[in-house]
């Protein structure tokens, strides 16, 4: 289990220095915002901004050059792994073929120079630094769940429960991110206007589960990455946001799985926020390329696409 359970009760006061805080999850988030899931919630939701809400290139460089993220004593995912739950994809449809793209992408990210960015970050337990690793084969499992109906607009409690259904299916992995991919036309309220995706954590008995709400990116169009740049040759421009957003959330889940307790900046948010929608490129992962945003490197104090 996670070794720092004392951080699970963080509330609104912990986020006031960032961008302001709402008392319930229905409020539209602002750039890099972290909010309680609902009144009285014991976990925070950390949102990825839309393209319109992200800093411009000029203001980005001025705001974040030389920034250093701080470690706040919480867990990280030391041996990262991803379990993907395609919730209702067969029932409600996948017209843009998001599922095969996401599966192929997650299959090859392990061991890549891009995911090596996270190896500079660590947790500290009993005064011992433990660095994040970048093993190959980080795709832990894929599940097409068409048994549990998907609400038209699933709320956070329903997404969190589906992540726990994934834990029941795959088993609990302390180093895992459980990604709930919702299908076409069944996205959480605020998707595409207030945010593109988010991650948070939920308790499963004594275990803390890191989960991501990954809506159907093509439904948001350009706001969440469609046709952001010229796509890789074997990918449509409509689907570009799938890998951009999934990579953003995975990197933040690795370095800050319990929001605001791992690697965090009260100026910029998490390490993906400082680089959101900035200098997106088609990056090689083995034999294929995928549209990818950079992530923040403390080592170079800048946004980078790779790290050695």
C-alpha atoms as a PDB file:
ATOM      1  CA  UNK A   1       0.000   0.000   0.000  1.00  0.00           C
ATOM      2  CA  UNK A   2       1.004   3.640  -0.232  1.00  0.00           C
ATOM      3  CA  UNK A   3       3.282   4.652   2.575  1.00  0.00           C
ATOM      4  CA  UNK A   4       1.921   8.152   3.242  1.00  0.00           C
ATOM      5  CA  UNK A   5      -1.795   7.830   4.066  1.00  0.00           C
ATOM      6  CA  UNK A   6      -1.783  11.017   6.108  1.00  0.00           C
ATOM      7  CA  UNK A   7      -2.127  13.074   2.916  1.00  0.00           C
ATOM      8  CA  UNK A   8      -5.463  11.624   1.804  1.00  0.00           C
ATOM      9  CA  UNK A   9      -7.491  14.214   3.674  1.00  0.00           C
ATOM     10  CA  UNK A  10      -6.100  17.300   1.932  1.00  0.00           C
ATOM     11  CA  UNK A  11      -8.820  19.786   1.128  1.00  0.00           C
ATOM     12  CA  UNK A  12      -9.486  23.144  -0.412  1.00  0.00           C
ATOM     13  CA  UNK A  13      -7.005  25.072   1.737  1.00  0.00           C
ATOM     14  CA  UNK A  14      -4.108  23.196   0.146  1.00  0.00           C
ATOM     15  CA  UNK A  15      -4.992  24.566  -3.283  1.00  0.00           C
ATOM     16  CA  UNK A  16      -5.823  28.186  -2.579  1.00  0.00           C
ATOM     17  CA  UNK A  17      -2.310  29.336  -3.467  1.00  0.00           C
ATOM     18  CA  UNK A  18      -2.675  27.830  -6.938  1.00  0.00           C
ATOM     19  CA  UNK A  19      -5.796  29.118  -8.689  1.00  0.00           C
ATOM     20  CA  UNK A  20      -8.686  29.151  -6.282  1.00  0.00           C
ATOM     21  CA  UNK A  21     -10.923  26.349  -5.179  1.00  0.00           C
ATOM     22  CA  UNK A  22     -14.541  25.256  -5.490  1.00  0.00           C
ATOM     23  CA  UNK A  23     -16.574  23.365  -2.942  1.00  0.00           C
ATOM     24  CA  UNK A  24     -17.879  20.835  -5.439  1.00  0.00           C
ATOM     25  CA  UNK A  25     -16.797  19.143  -8.646  1.00  0.00           C
ATOM     26  CA  UNK A  26     -19.486  20.792 -10.776  1.00  0.00           C
ATOM     27  CA  UNK A  27     -17.571  24.065 -10.961  1.00  0.00           C
ATOM     28  CA  UNK A  28     -15.627  24.505 -14.183  1.00  0.00           C
ATOM     29  CA  UNK A  29     -11.909  24.191 -13.391  1.00  0.00           C
ATOM     30  CA  UNK A  30      -9.306  26.722 -14.409  1.00  0.00           C
ATOM     31  CA  UNK A  31      -5.813  26.087 -15.742  1.00  0.00           C
ATOM     32  CA  UNK A  32      -3.912  23.535 -13.705  1.00  0.00           C
ATOM     33  CA  UNK A  33      -6.616  23.549 -11.050  1.00  0.00           C
ATOM     34  CA  UNK A  34      -7.050  21.060  -8.266  1.00  0.00           C
ATOM     35  CA  UNK A  35     -10.435  20.757  -6.623  1.00  0.00           C
ATOM     36  CA  UNK A  36     -12.276  18.562  -4.137  1.00  0.00           C
ATOM     37  CA  UNK A  37     -14.421  16.023  -5.989  1.00  0.00           C
ATOM     38  CA  UNK A  38     -17.470  17.064  -3.971  1.00  0.00           C
ATOM     39  CA  UNK A  39     -18.324  18.766  -0.702  1.00  0.00           C
ATOM     40  CA  UNK A  40     -16.568  16.912   2.092  1.00  0.00           C
ATOM     41  CA  UNK A  41     -14.503  14.789  -0.293  1.00  0.00           C
ATOM     42  CA  UNK A  42     -11.285  13.231   0.984  1.00  0.00           C
ATOM     43  CA  UNK A  43      -9.484  13.386  -2.345  1.00  0.00           C
ATOM     44  CA  UNK A  44      -8.573  16.069  -4.854  1.00  0.00           C
ATOM     45  CA  UNK A  45      -9.128  16.100  -8.601  1.00  0.00           C
ATOM     46  CA  UNK A  46      -6.324  17.520 -10.735  1.00  0.00           C
ATOM     47  CA  UNK A  47      -7.493  18.713 -14.167  1.00  0.00           C
ATOM     48  CA  UNK A  48      -5.645  19.067 -17.464  1.00  0.00           C
ATOM     49  CA  UNK A  49      -6.584  22.380 -19.130  1.00  0.00           C
ATOM     50  CA  UNK A  50      -7.969  22.681 -22.636  1.00  0.00           C
ATOM     51  CA  UNK A  51      -5.854  24.258 -25.360  1.00  0.00           C
ATOM     52  CA  UNK A  52      -7.718  27.549 -24.935  1.00  0.00           C
ATOM     53  CA  UNK A  53      -6.947  27.674 -21.209  1.00  0.00           C
ATOM     54  CA  UNK A  54      -3.246  26.862 -21.484  1.00  0.00           C
ATOM     55  CA  UNK A  55      -0.606  29.640 -21.476  1.00  0.00           C
ATOM     56  CA  UNK A  56       0.479  31.020 -24.841  1.00  0.00           C
ATOM     57  CA  UNK A  57       3.970  30.174 -26.077  1.00  0.00           C
ATOM     58  CA  UNK A  58       5.344  33.616 -25.154  1.00  0.00           C
ATOM     59  CA  UNK A  59       3.765  33.764 -21.705  1.00  0.00           C
ATOM     60  CA  UNK A  60       4.699  30.131 -21.084  1.00  0.00           C
ATOM     61  CA  UNK A  61       8.411  30.770 -21.535  1.00  0.00           C
ATOM     62  CA  UNK A  62       8.299  33.837 -19.315  1.00  0.00           C
ATOM     63  CA  UNK A  63       6.282  32.151 -16.572  1.00  0.00           C
ATOM     64  CA  UNK A  64       7.965  28.783 -16.269  1.00  0.00           C
ATOM     65  CA  UNK A  65      11.608  29.157 -17.283  1.00  0.00           C
ATOM     66  CA  UNK A  66      13.771  28.230 -14.314  1.00  0.00           C
ATOM     67  CA  UNK A  67      10.888  26.770 -12.327  1.00  0.00           C
ATOM     68  CA  UNK A  68      11.641  23.976  -9.841  1.00  0.00           C
ATOM     69  CA  UNK A  69       9.023  21.485  -8.672  1.00  0.00           C
ATOM     70  CA  UNK A  70       9.073  20.506  -5.007  1.00  0.00           C
ATOM     71  CA  UNK A  71       8.458  17.159  -3.328  1.00  0.00           C
ATOM     72  CA  UNK A  72       5.743  17.207  -0.662  1.00  0.00           C
ATOM     73  CA  UNK A  73       6.347  13.854   1.013  1.00  0.00           C
ATOM     74  CA  UNK A  74       3.711  11.724  -0.681  1.00  0.00           C
ATOM     75  CA  UNK A  75       3.911   8.623  -2.879  1.00  0.00           C
ATOM     76  CA  UNK A  76       5.070   8.237  -6.475  1.00  0.00           C
ATOM     77  CA  UNK A  77       4.694   5.253  -8.793  1.00  0.00           C
ATOM     78  CA  UNK A  78       8.171   3.726  -8.583  1.00  0.00           C
ATOM     79  CA  UNK A  79       7.554   0.931 -11.122  1.00  0.00           C
ATOM     80  CA  UNK A  80       4.848   2.478 -13.297  1.00  0.00           C
ATOM     81  CA  UNK A  81       2.147   0.406 -14.919  1.00  0.00           C
ATOM     82  CA  UNK A  82      -1.148   1.206 -16.680  1.00  0.00           C
ATOM     83  CA  UNK A  83      -4.414  -0.695 -16.592  1.00  0.00           C
ATOM     84  CA  UNK A  84      -6.947   0.610 -19.124  1.00  0.00           C
ATOM     85  CA  UNK A  85     -10.686   0.148 -18.703  1.00  0.00           C
ATOM     86  CA  UNK A  86     -12.565   0.827 -21.939  1.00  0.00           C
ATOM     87  CA  UNK A  87     -15.903   1.469 -20.290  1.00  0.00           C
ATOM     88  CA  UNK A  88     -18.799   0.754 -22.655  1.00  0.00           C
ATOM     89  CA  UNK A  89     -16.756   1.086 -25.851  1.00  0.00           C
ATOM     90  CA  UNK A  90     -18.412  -1.895 -27.512  1.00  0.00           C
ATOM     91  CA  UNK A  91     -21.890  -0.865 -26.414  1.00  0.00           C
ATOM     92  CA  UNK A  92     -21.739   2.838 -27.284  1.00  0.00           C
ATOM     93  CA  UNK A  93     -19.183   2.781 -30.090  1.00  0.00           C
ATOM     94  CA  UNK A  94     -15.676   3.917 -30.953  1.00  0.00           C
ATOM     95  CA  UNK A  95     -16.104   5.739 -34.292  1.00  0.00           C
ATOM     96  CA  UNK A  96     -12.608   7.249 -34.252  1.00  0.00           C
ATOM     97  CA  UNK A  97     -10.813   4.042 -33.248  1.00  0.00           C
ATOM     98  CA  UNK A  98      -9.492   5.463 -30.009  1.00  0.00           C
ATOM     99  CA  UNK A  99      -9.143   2.049 -28.361  1.00  0.00           C
ATOM    100  CA  UNK A 100      -6.613   0.535 -30.787  1.00  0.00           C
ATOM    101  CA  UNK A 101      -4.581   3.753 -30.781  1.00  0.00           C
ATOM    102  CA  UNK A 102      -4.479   3.979 -26.991  1.00  0.00           C
ATOM    103  CA  UNK A 103      -3.581   0.293 -26.627  1.00  0.00           C
ATOM    104  CA  UNK A 104      -0.750   0.579 -29.149  1.00  0.00           C
ATOM    105  CA  UNK A 105       0.594   3.729 -27.491  1.00  0.00           C
ATOM    106  CA  UNK A 106       0.603   2.364 -23.951  1.00  0.00           C
ATOM    107  CA  UNK A 107       2.214  -0.840 -25.145  1.00  0.00           C
ATOM    108  CA  UNK A 108       5.392   0.972 -26.239  1.00  0.00           C
ATOM    109  CA  UNK A 109       5.838   3.855 -23.771  1.00  0.00           C
ATOM    110  CA  UNK A 110       7.752   1.781 -21.232  1.00  0.00           C
ATOM    111  CA  UNK A 111      11.512   2.208 -21.515  1.00  0.00           C
ATOM    112  CA  UNK A 112      11.173   5.141 -23.928  1.00  0.00           C
ATOM    113  CA  UNK A 113      13.372   8.250 -23.741  1.00  0.00           C
ATOM    114  CA  UNK A 114      10.197  10.280 -23.182  1.00  0.00           C
ATOM    115  CA  UNK A 115       9.087   8.295 -20.148  1.00  0.00           C
ATOM    116  CA  UNK A 116      12.640   8.442 -18.863  1.00  0.00           C
ATOM    117  CA  UNK A 117      11.820  12.033 -17.860  1.00  0.00           C
ATOM    118  CA  UNK A 118      10.175  10.681 -14.718  1.00  0.00           C
ATOM    119  CA  UNK A 119      13.298   8.883 -13.487  1.00  0.00           C
ATOM    120  CA  UNK A 120      14.720  12.148 -12.097  1.00  0.00           C
ATOM    121  CA  UNK A 121      11.872  12.239  -9.562  1.00  0.00           C
ATOM    122  CA  UNK A 122      11.604  10.172  -6.379  1.00  0.00           C
ATOM    123  CA  UNK A 123       9.922   9.662  -3.051  1.00  0.00           C
ATOM    124  CA  UNK A 124      11.582   9.701   0.359  1.00  0.00           C
ATOM    125  CA  UNK A 125      10.834   7.012   2.919  1.00  0.00           C
ATOM    126  CA  UNK A 126      12.808   6.782   6.172  1.00  0.00           C
ATOM    127  CA  UNK A 127      15.236   9.393   4.794  1.00  0.00           C
ATOM    128  CA  UNK A 128      15.907   7.164   1.750  1.00  0.00           C
ATOM    129  CA  UNK A 129      15.394   8.511  -1.773  1.00  0.00           C
ATOM    130  CA  UNK A 130      13.670   6.012  -4.064  1.00  0.00           C
ATOM    131  CA  UNK A 131      13.816   7.009  -7.727  1.00  0.00           C
ATOM    132  CA  UNK A 132      11.069   6.286 -10.242  1.00  0.00           C
ATOM    133  CA  UNK A 133      12.061   3.665 -12.813  1.00  0.00           C
ATOM    134  CA  UNK A 134      11.134   3.279 -16.469  1.00  0.00           C
ATOM    135  CA  UNK A 135      10.635  -0.441 -17.141  1.00  0.00           C
ATOM    136  CA  UNK A 136       9.523  -1.834 -20.466  1.00  0.00           C
ATOM    137  CA  UNK A 137       6.096  -3.383 -20.706  1.00  0.00           C
ATOM    138  CA  UNK A 138       4.128  -0.846 -18.678  1.00  0.00           C
ATOM    139  CA  UNK A 139       0.771  -1.953 -20.089  1.00  0.00           C
ATOM    140  CA  UNK A 140      -0.574  -4.031 -17.215  1.00  0.00           C
ATOM    141  CA  UNK A 141      -3.885  -4.979 -18.776  1.00  0.00           C
ATOM    142  CA  UNK A 142      -6.812  -3.924 -20.969  1.00  0.00           C
ATOM    143  CA  UNK A 143     -10.478  -4.546 -20.179  1.00  0.00           C
ATOM    144  CA  UNK A 144     -13.515  -3.785 -22.328  1.00  0.00           C
ATOM    145  CA  UNK A 145     -16.200  -3.449 -19.681  1.00  0.00           C
ATOM    146  CA  UNK A 146     -19.623  -3.563 -21.323  1.00  0.00           C
ATOM    147  CA  UNK A 147     -21.354  -5.135 -18.332  1.00  0.00           C
ATOM    148  CA  UNK A 148     -21.609  -1.918 -16.314  1.00  0.00           C
ATOM    149  CA  UNK A 149     -23.713   0.770 -18.079  1.00  0.00           C
ATOM    150  CA  UNK A 150     -22.086   4.165 -18.671  1.00  0.00           C
ATOM    151  CA  UNK A 151     -24.154   7.213 -17.646  1.00  0.00           C
ATOM    152  CA  UNK A 152     -24.606   9.869 -20.318  1.00  0.00           C
ATOM    153  CA  UNK A 153     -22.419  12.164 -18.234  1.00  0.00           C
ATOM    154  CA  UNK A 154     -20.627  10.119 -15.560  1.00  0.00           C
ATOM    155  CA  UNK A 155     -19.670  12.034 -12.426  1.00  0.00           C
ATOM    156  CA  UNK A 156     -16.437  11.565 -10.516  1.00  0.00           C
ATOM    157  CA  UNK A 157     -17.911   9.084  -8.035  1.00  0.00           C
ATOM    158  CA  UNK A 158     -19.036   6.883 -10.937  1.00  0.00           C
ATOM    159  CA  UNK A 159     -15.651   7.109 -12.675  1.00  0.00           C
ATOM    160  CA  UNK A 160     -13.879   6.316  -9.401  1.00  0.00           C
ATOM    161  CA  UNK A 161     -16.138   3.304  -8.893  1.00  0.00           C
ATOM    162  CA  UNK A 162     -15.335   2.066 -12.391  1.00  0.00           C
ATOM    163  CA  UNK A 163     -11.634   2.309 -11.539  1.00  0.00           C
ATOM    164  CA  UNK A 164     -12.346   0.087  -8.528  1.00  0.00           C
ATOM    165  CA  UNK A 165     -14.147  -2.318 -10.854  1.00  0.00           C
ATOM    166  CA  UNK A 166     -10.859  -2.393 -12.738  1.00  0.00           C
ATOM    167  CA  UNK A 167      -8.980  -3.170  -9.543  1.00  0.00           C
ATOM    168  CA  UNK A 168     -11.394  -6.067  -8.948  1.00  0.00           C
ATOM    169  CA  UNK A 169     -10.730  -7.278 -12.501  1.00  0.00           C
ATOM    170  CA  UNK A 170      -6.938  -6.903 -12.615  1.00  0.00           C
ATOM    171  CA  UNK A 171      -5.979  -6.964  -8.937  1.00  0.00           C
ATOM    172  CA  UNK A 172      -4.438  -4.145  -6.956  1.00  0.00           C
ATOM    173  CA  UNK A 173      -1.062  -2.787  -8.030  1.00  0.00           C
ATOM    174  CA  UNK A 174       0.510  -0.125  -5.802  1.00  0.00           C
ATOM    175  CA  UNK A 175       2.519   1.177  -8.778  1.00  0.00           C
ATOM    176  CA  UNK A 176      -0.393   1.390 -11.194  1.00  0.00           C
ATOM    177  CA  UNK A 177      -2.523   4.035 -12.800  1.00  0.00           C
ATOM    178  CA  UNK A 178      -6.042   2.760 -13.539  1.00  0.00           C
ATOM    179  CA  UNK A 179      -7.328   4.646 -16.589  1.00  0.00           C
ATOM    180  CA  UNK A 180     -11.087   4.813 -17.128  1.00  0.00           C
ATOM    181  CA  UNK A 181     -11.654   5.615 -20.807  1.00  0.00           C
ATOM    182  CA  UNK A 182     -15.264   6.692 -21.337  1.00  0.00           C
ATOM    183  CA  UNK A 183     -16.887   6.135 -24.758  1.00  0.00           C
ATOM    184  CA  UNK A 184     -18.089   8.440 -27.510  1.00  0.00           C
ATOM    185  CA  UNK A 185     -20.906  10.682 -26.321  1.00  0.00           C
ATOM    186  CA  UNK A 186     -20.568   9.737 -22.645  1.00  0.00           C
ATOM    187  CA  UNK A 187     -18.195  12.301 -21.184  1.00  0.00           C
ATOM    188  CA  UNK A 188     -18.066  13.949 -17.769  1.00  0.00           C
ATOM    189  CA  UNK A 189     -19.659  17.409 -17.600  1.00  0.00           C
ATOM    190  CA  UNK A 190     -17.132  20.145 -18.369  1.00  0.00           C
ATOM    191  CA  UNK A 191     -15.071  18.024 -20.765  1.00  0.00           C
ATOM    192  CA  UNK A 192     -13.871  20.097 -23.714  1.00  0.00           C
ATOM    193  CA  UNK A 193     -14.936  23.395 -22.173  1.00  0.00           C
ATOM    194  CA  UNK A 194     -13.297  23.282 -18.747  1.00  0.00           C
ATOM    195  CA  UNK A 195     -10.835  20.395 -18.983  1.00  0.00           C
ATOM    196  CA  UNK A 196      -9.576  17.557 -21.180  1.00  0.00           C
ATOM    197  CA  UNK A 197      -8.981  14.881 -18.518  1.00  0.00           C
ATOM    198  CA  UNK A 198      -8.117  14.539 -14.856  1.00  0.00           C
ATOM    199  CA  UNK A 199      -6.560  12.205 -12.341  1.00  0.00           C
ATOM    200  CA  UNK A 200      -7.198  11.598  -8.669  1.00  0.00           C
ATOM    201  CA  UNK A 201      -7.159   8.800  -6.087  1.00  0.00           C
ATOM    202  CA  UNK A 202      -9.744   6.694  -4.299  1.00  0.00           C
ATOM    203  CA  UNK A 203      -9.575   4.280  -1.384  1.00  0.00           C
ATOM    204  CA  UNK A 204     -10.164   0.554  -1.811  1.00  0.00           C
ATOM    205  CA  UNK A 205     -10.072  -0.594   1.790  1.00  0.00           C
ATOM    206  CA  UNK A 206      -6.520   0.058   2.969  1.00  0.00           C
ATOM    207  CA  UNK A 207      -5.255   0.546  -0.605  1.00  0.00           C
ATOM    208  CA  UNK A 208      -4.995   3.873  -2.397  1.00  0.00           C
ATOM    209  CA  UNK A 209      -5.894   3.632  -6.085  1.00  0.00           C
ATOM    210  CA  UNK A 210      -4.594   6.184  -8.586  1.00  0.00           C
ATOM    211  CA  UNK A 211      -7.133   6.639 -11.386  1.00  0.00           C
ATOM    212  CA  UNK A 212      -7.617   8.798 -14.468  1.00  0.00           C
ATOM    213  CA  UNK A 213     -10.814   9.984 -16.113  1.00  0.00           C
ATOM    214  CA  UNK A 214      -9.970   9.898 -19.830  1.00  0.00           C
ATOM    215  CA  UNK A 215     -12.946  11.127 -21.889  1.00  0.00           C
ATOM    216  CA  UNK A 216     -13.399  10.457 -25.600  1.00  0.00           C
ATOM    217  CA  UNK A 217     -10.931  13.063 -26.938  1.00  0.00           C
ATOM    218  CA  UNK A 218     -12.276  13.421 -30.519  1.00  0.00           C
ATOM    219  CA  UNK A 219     -15.618  14.560 -29.065  1.00  0.00           C
ATOM    220  CA  UNK A 220     -13.935  17.800 -27.920  1.00  0.00           C
ATOM    221  CA  UNK A 221     -12.253  18.510 -31.255  1.00  0.00           C
ATOM    222  CA  UNK A 222      -9.426  21.036 -31.292  1.00  0.00           C
ATOM    223  CA  UNK A 223     -10.028  22.005 -27.637  1.00  0.00           C
ATOM    224  CA  UNK A 224      -8.452  18.698 -26.592  1.00  0.00           C
ATOM    225  CA  UNK A 225      -5.928  18.152 -29.345  1.00  0.00           C
ATOM    226  CA  UNK A 226      -7.592  17.203 -32.612  1.00  0.00           C
ATOM    227  CA  UNK A 227      -5.443  18.456 -35.505  1.00  0.00           C
ATOM    228  CA  UNK A 228      -3.040  20.187 -33.126  1.00  0.00           C
ATOM    229  CA  UNK A 229      -0.109  19.457 -35.467  1.00  0.00           C
ATOM    230  CA  UNK A 230       0.385  17.314 -38.573  1.00  0.00           C
ATOM    231  CA  UNK A 231      -0.298  13.768 -37.329  1.00  0.00           C
ATOM    232  CA  UNK A 232       2.030  10.773 -37.568  1.00  0.00           C
ATOM    233  CA  UNK A 233       1.615   8.935 -40.858  1.00  0.00           C
ATOM    234  CA  UNK A 234      -0.387   6.063 -39.356  1.00  0.00           C
ATOM    235  CA  UNK A 235      -2.695   8.240 -37.233  1.00  0.00           C
ATOM    236  CA  UNK A 236      -5.528  10.643 -38.041  1.00  0.00           C
ATOM    237  CA  UNK A 237      -5.400  14.268 -36.933  1.00  0.00           C
ATOM    238  CA  UNK A 238      -8.753  13.768 -35.204  1.00  0.00           C
ATOM    239  CA  UNK A 239      -7.137  11.339 -32.744  1.00  0.00           C
ATOM    240  CA  UNK A 240      -4.046  13.348 -31.836  1.00  0.00           C
ATOM    241  CA  UNK A 241      -5.443  14.433 -28.499  1.00  0.00           C
ATOM    242  CA  UNK A 242      -5.711  10.823 -27.334  1.00  0.00           C
ATOM    243  CA  UNK A 243      -1.967  10.344 -26.899  1.00  0.00           C
ATOM    244  CA  UNK A 244      -1.254  13.977 -25.954  1.00  0.00           C
ATOM    245  CA  UNK A 245      -3.728  13.880 -23.075  1.00  0.00           C
ATOM    246  CA  UNK A 246      -3.096  10.275 -22.025  1.00  0.00           C
ATOM    247  CA  UNK A 247       0.639  10.949 -21.805  1.00  0.00           C
ATOM    248  CA  UNK A 248       0.059  14.124 -19.797  1.00  0.00           C
ATOM    249  CA  UNK A 249      -2.129  12.334 -17.256  1.00  0.00           C
ATOM    250  CA  UNK A 250       0.118   9.289 -16.997  1.00  0.00           C
ATOM    251  CA  UNK A 251       3.214  11.380 -16.290  1.00  0.00           C
ATOM    252  CA  UNK A 252       1.396  13.323 -13.600  1.00  0.00           C
ATOM    253  CA  UNK A 253      -0.042  10.144 -12.106  1.00  0.00           C
ATOM    254  CA  UNK A 254       3.469   8.707 -11.888  1.00  0.00           C
ATOM    255  CA  UNK A 255       4.960  11.740 -10.148  1.00  0.00           C
ATOM    256  CA  UNK A 256       1.914  12.899  -8.145  1.00  0.00           C
ATOM    257  CA  UNK A 257      -0.623  10.047  -7.838  1.00  0.00           C
ATOM    258  CA  UNK A 258      -2.250  11.620  -4.762  1.00  0.00           C
ATOM    259  CA  UNK A 259      -2.586  15.193  -6.068  1.00  0.00           C
ATOM    260  CA  UNK A 260      -0.488  17.865  -4.365  1.00  0.00           C
ATOM    261  CA  UNK A 261       1.478  15.383  -2.228  1.00  0.00           C
ATOM    262  CA  UNK A 262       4.146  14.237  -4.693  1.00  0.00           C
ATOM    263  CA  UNK A 263       5.974  16.532  -7.132  1.00  0.00           C
ATOM    264  CA  UNK A 264       4.056  19.758  -7.316  1.00  0.00           C
ATOM    265  CA  UNK A 265       4.362  23.512  -7.812  1.00  0.00           C
ATOM    266  CA  UNK A 266       1.881  25.994  -6.387  1.00  0.00           C
ATOM    267  CA  UNK A 267       2.850  28.224  -9.307  1.00  0.00           C
ATOM    268  CA  UNK A 268       2.431  25.768 -12.186  1.00  0.00           C
ATOM    269  CA  UNK A 269       0.577  22.719 -10.840  1.00  0.00           C
ATOM    270  CA  UNK A 270       1.997  19.316 -11.804  1.00  0.00           C
ATOM    271  CA  UNK A 271       4.836  18.558 -14.211  1.00  0.00           C
ATOM    272  CA  UNK A 272       2.504  18.187 -17.183  1.00  0.00           C
ATOM    273  CA  UNK A 273       0.659  21.446 -16.522  1.00  0.00           C
ATOM    274  CA  UNK A 274       3.805  23.532 -16.925  1.00  0.00           C
ATOM    275  CA  UNK A 275       4.113  22.212 -20.487  1.00  0.00           C
ATOM    276  CA  UNK A 276       0.469  21.666 -21.473  1.00  0.00           C
ATOM    277  CA  UNK A 277      -0.165  22.252 -25.204  1.00  0.00           C
ATOM    278  CA  UNK A 278       3.338  23.678 -25.536  1.00  0.00           C
ATOM    279  CA  UNK A 279       5.656  22.459 -28.322  1.00  0.00           C
ATOM    280  CA  UNK A 280       3.655  19.295 -29.117  1.00  0.00           C
ATOM    281  CA  UNK A 281       5.663  17.003 -31.400  1.00  0.00           C
ATOM    282  CA  UNK A 282       5.452  13.578 -33.007  1.00  0.00           C
ATOM    283  CA  UNK A 283       7.862  11.635 -30.821  1.00  0.00           C
ATOM    284  CA  UNK A 284       9.285   8.187 -31.618  1.00  0.00           C
ATOM    285  CA  UNK A 285       8.397   5.328 -29.318  1.00  0.00           C
ATOM    286  CA  UNK A 286      10.268   2.453 -30.878  1.00  0.00           C
ATOM    287  CA  UNK A 287       9.134   2.004 -34.498  1.00  0.00           C
ATOM    288  CA  UNK A 288       6.119   4.332 -34.255  1.00  0.00           C
ATOM    289  CA  UNK A 289       5.565   8.002 -33.500  1.00  0.00           C
ATOM    290  CA  UNK A 290       2.806   9.532 -31.414  1.00  0.00           C
ATOM    291  CA  UNK A 291       1.749  13.129 -30.831  1.00  0.00           C
ATOM    292  CA  UNK A 292       3.167  14.054 -27.438  1.00  0.00           C
ATOM    293  CA  UNK A 293       3.540  17.122 -25.237  1.00  0.00           C
ATOM    294  CA  UNK A 294       6.777  17.710 -23.323  1.00  0.00           C
ATOM    295  CA  UNK A 295       6.936  17.302 -19.551  1.00  0.00           C
ATOM    296  CA  UNK A 296       8.816  19.456 -17.077  1.00  0.00           C
ATOM    297  CA  UNK A 297      12.350  18.512 -16.127  1.00  0.00           C
ATOM    298  CA  UNK A 298      13.806  19.840 -12.886  1.00  0.00           C
ATOM    299  CA  UNK A 299      17.235  18.836 -14.171  1.00  0.00           C
ATOM    300  CA  UNK A 300      17.148  21.342 -17.043  1.00  0.00           C
ATOM    301  CA  UNK A 301      14.476  23.608 -15.539  1.00  0.00           C
ATOM    302  CA  UNK A 302      12.512  23.424 -18.785  1.00  0.00           C
ATOM    303  CA  UNK A 303       9.965  21.435 -20.766  1.00  0.00           C
ATOM    304  CA  UNK A 304      11.577  18.440 -22.483  1.00  0.00           C
ATOM    305  CA  UNK A 305      10.426  15.623 -24.750  1.00  0.00           C
ATOM    306  CA  UNK A 306      13.171  13.195 -23.732  1.00  0.00           C
ATOM    307  CA  UNK A 307      15.614  12.648 -20.887  1.00  0.00           C
ATOM    308  CA  UNK A 308      18.722  10.515 -20.535  1.00  0.00           C
END
